[in-house]
N, C-alpha and C. Protein backbone atom coordinates (compact mmCIF):
# COMPACT_ATOMS: atom_id res chain seq x y z
N MET A 1 20.02 -5.73 -0.13
CA MET A 1 20.44 -5.62 1.41
C MET A 1 20.63 -6.87 1.91
N ARG A 2 21.71 -7.08 2.72
CA ARG A 2 22.00 -8.44 3.36
C ARG A 2 20.95 -8.60 4.51
N ARG A 3 20.32 -9.96 4.53
CA ARG A 3 19.45 -10.22 5.45
C ARG A 3 19.63 -9.44 6.96
N THR A 4 20.95 -9.86 7.47
CA THR A 4 21.47 -9.22 8.60
C THR A 4 21.20 -7.75 8.81
N SER A 5 21.71 -6.92 7.72
CA SER A 5 21.45 -5.52 7.55
C SER A 5 20.04 -5.22 7.57
N ALA A 6 19.00 -5.76 6.74
CA ALA A 6 17.77 -5.77 6.83
C ALA A 6 16.89 -5.67 8.16
N VAL A 7 17.56 -6.87 8.97
CA VAL A 7 17.17 -6.98 10.50
C VAL A 7 17.62 -5.91 11.35
N ASN A 8 18.75 -5.41 11.07
CA ASN A 8 19.10 -4.58 11.69
C ASN A 8 18.44 -3.04 11.63
N PHE A 9 18.11 -2.75 10.35
CA PHE A 9 17.27 -1.69 9.71
C PHE A 9 16.11 -1.78 10.45
N LEU A 10 15.18 -2.97 10.41
CA LEU A 10 14.16 -2.88 11.20
C LEU A 10 14.05 -2.81 12.69
N LEU A 11 15.18 -3.23 13.20
CA LEU A 11 15.27 -3.23 14.82
C LEU A 11 15.42 -1.85 15.15
N ALA A 12 16.22 -0.95 14.23
CA ALA A 12 16.36 0.49 14.55
C ALA A 12 15.16 1.20 14.32
N ARG A 13 14.54 0.89 13.27
CA ARG A 13 13.05 1.56 13.25
C ARG A 13 12.12 1.30 14.18
N ARG A 14 12.29 -0.05 14.77
CA ARG A 14 11.25 -0.46 15.91
C ARG A 14 11.94 0.43 17.23
N ARG A 15 13.04 0.70 17.29
CA ARG A 15 13.54 1.39 18.57
C ARG A 15 12.94 2.77 18.40
N MET A 16 12.94 3.19 17.28
CA MET A 16 12.57 4.73 17.02
C MET A 16 11.29 4.77 17.55
N CYS A 17 10.41 4.08 16.99
CA CYS A 17 9.04 3.72 17.45
C CYS A 17 8.82 3.64 18.89
N LEU A 18 9.53 2.88 19.52
CA LEU A 18 9.35 2.67 20.86
C LEU A 18 9.89 3.92 21.86
N ASP A 19 10.92 4.70 21.21
CA ASP A 19 11.28 5.95 22.13
C ASP A 19 10.30 6.71 21.78
N LYS A 20 9.77 7.06 20.83
CA LYS A 20 8.49 7.93 20.43
C LYS A 20 7.39 7.59 21.46
N ILE A 21 7.14 6.30 21.58
CA ILE A 21 6.12 5.89 22.39
C ILE A 21 6.32 6.54 23.92
N ALA A 22 7.42 6.19 24.25
CA ALA A 22 7.82 6.45 25.67
C ALA A 22 7.92 7.93 25.90
N ALA A 23 8.13 8.91 24.90
CA ALA A 23 8.10 10.23 24.81
C ALA A 23 6.92 11.02 24.91
N ALA A 24 6.11 10.12 24.36
CA ALA A 24 4.48 10.66 24.24
C ALA A 24 3.74 10.63 25.45
N THR A 25 2.99 11.66 25.68
CA THR A 25 2.19 11.87 26.74
C THR A 25 0.88 11.17 26.95
N SER A 26 0.44 10.69 25.90
CA SER A 26 -0.86 9.80 25.73
C SER A 26 -0.62 8.61 24.85
N ASP A 27 -1.48 7.56 25.01
CA ASP A 27 -1.30 6.37 24.26
C ASP A 27 -1.40 6.66 22.76
N ASP A 28 -0.47 6.12 22.09
CA ASP A 28 -0.05 6.13 20.55
C ASP A 28 -0.57 4.83 20.05
N VAL A 29 -1.89 4.58 19.73
CA VAL A 29 -2.12 3.33 19.39
C VAL A 29 -1.56 2.99 18.03
N GLN A 30 -1.59 4.07 17.07
CA GLN A 30 -0.94 3.91 15.85
C GLN A 30 0.67 3.43 15.76
N ARG A 31 1.22 3.89 16.70
CA ARG A 31 2.81 3.69 16.68
C ARG A 31 2.85 2.22 17.59
N GLN A 32 1.99 1.85 18.49
CA GLN A 32 2.19 0.48 18.87
C GLN A 32 1.59 -0.39 17.99
N ARG A 33 0.94 -0.42 17.29
CA ARG A 33 0.53 -1.05 15.95
C ARG A 33 1.81 -1.17 14.94
N GLU A 34 2.43 0.03 14.82
CA GLU A 34 3.44 -0.19 14.21
C GLU A 34 4.80 -1.16 14.48
N VAL A 35 4.91 -0.76 15.73
CA VAL A 35 5.80 -1.61 16.51
C VAL A 35 5.67 -3.12 16.41
N GLU A 36 4.17 -3.54 16.47
CA GLU A 36 3.83 -4.84 16.57
C GLU A 36 4.12 -5.33 15.03
N PHE A 37 3.79 -4.56 14.06
CA PHE A 37 3.92 -5.13 12.67
C PHE A 37 5.57 -5.25 12.60
N LEU A 38 6.32 -4.20 12.97
CA LEU A 38 7.81 -4.39 12.90
C LEU A 38 8.45 -5.48 13.59
N GLU A 39 7.77 -5.91 14.45
CA GLU A 39 8.31 -7.18 15.41
C GLU A 39 7.96 -8.24 14.40
N ARG A 40 6.89 -8.49 13.97
CA ARG A 40 6.31 -9.66 13.01
C ARG A 40 7.38 -9.60 11.76
N LEU A 41 7.52 -8.47 11.29
CA LEU A 41 8.41 -8.54 9.98
C LEU A 41 9.83 -8.80 10.44
N VAL A 42 10.36 -8.57 11.48
CA VAL A 42 11.74 -8.83 12.01
C VAL A 42 11.89 -10.35 11.89
N LEU A 43 10.91 -10.83 12.64
CA LEU A 43 10.84 -12.36 12.75
C LEU A 43 10.64 -13.08 11.28
N ASP A 44 9.89 -12.65 10.41
CA ASP A 44 9.83 -13.14 9.04
C ASP A 44 10.99 -13.10 8.22
N VAL A 45 11.75 -11.89 8.41
CA VAL A 45 12.91 -11.40 7.75
C VAL A 45 13.97 -12.51 8.15
N ARG A 46 14.28 -12.62 9.27
CA ARG A 46 15.20 -13.31 10.14
C ARG A 46 14.88 -14.89 9.77
N ALA A 47 13.73 -15.22 9.68
CA ALA A 47 13.31 -16.74 9.36
C ALA A 47 13.34 -16.97 8.12
N GLY A 48 13.69 -16.08 6.95
CA GLY A 48 13.77 -16.37 5.60
C GLY A 48 12.40 -16.40 4.90
N ARG A 49 11.37 -16.21 5.54
CA ARG A 49 10.07 -16.24 4.76
C ARG A 49 9.87 -15.23 3.95
N LEU A 50 10.97 -14.16 4.11
CA LEU A 50 10.48 -12.85 3.14
C LEU A 50 11.97 -12.61 2.47
N SER A 51 11.76 -12.20 1.19
CA SER A 51 12.85 -11.90 0.24
C SER A 51 12.81 -10.27 -0.22
N THR A 52 11.54 -9.54 0.12
CA THR A 52 11.54 -8.21 -0.14
C THR A 52 10.31 -7.72 0.80
N PHE A 53 10.32 -6.46 1.33
CA PHE A 53 9.37 -5.73 1.82
C PHE A 53 9.31 -4.39 1.67
N GLU A 54 8.38 -3.72 2.05
CA GLU A 54 8.16 -2.14 1.57
C GLU A 54 7.39 -1.56 2.82
N LEU A 55 8.04 -0.46 3.23
CA LEU A 55 7.38 0.36 4.18
C LEU A 55 7.13 1.55 3.69
N THR A 56 5.91 2.23 3.87
CA THR A 56 5.35 3.34 3.37
C THR A 56 5.41 4.41 4.53
N HIS A 57 5.28 4.22 5.71
CA HIS A 57 4.94 5.14 6.85
C HIS A 57 6.17 5.88 7.07
N ALA A 58 6.14 7.16 7.23
CA ALA A 58 7.04 8.23 7.51
C ALA A 58 7.68 8.11 6.37
N LYS A 59 8.95 7.26 6.00
CA LYS A 59 9.81 7.40 5.04
C LYS A 59 9.66 6.32 4.33
N ALA A 60 9.06 6.26 2.87
CA ALA A 60 8.90 5.15 2.33
C ALA A 60 10.40 4.45 1.72
N VAL A 61 10.29 3.13 1.81
CA VAL A 61 11.65 2.49 1.60
C VAL A 61 11.03 1.02 1.24
N ALA A 62 11.80 0.37 0.01
CA ALA A 62 11.58 -0.95 -0.48
C ALA A 62 12.93 -1.50 -0.34
N VAL A 63 12.81 -2.75 0.05
CA VAL A 63 14.17 -3.56 0.51
C VAL A 63 14.10 -4.84 -0.26
N VAL A 64 15.09 -5.19 -0.80
CA VAL A 64 15.29 -6.51 -1.57
C VAL A 64 16.52 -7.17 -0.70
N ILE A 65 16.21 -8.47 -0.39
CA ILE A 65 16.93 -9.04 0.68
C ILE A 65 17.85 -9.93 -0.19
N THR A 66 19.02 -9.93 -0.02
CA THR A 66 19.99 -10.94 -0.64
C THR A 66 20.57 -11.77 0.45
N ASP A 67 20.79 -12.84 0.17
CA ASP A 67 21.70 -13.96 1.31
C ASP A 67 23.17 -14.08 0.95
């Protein structure tokens, strides 16, 4: 996956988590932590510090980044 596509993928996943947090009636600490993790991952991918990553929550996915 290209770096730009990987960042877009992560941002979409982050947006989905934020939408679920907004719809929740109580604090969802696990989703808030996931959002924080995704934000850090976006920064690392965007900066080129990572060339692969794997997410296992909800739907498992492994991404290899090509430049």
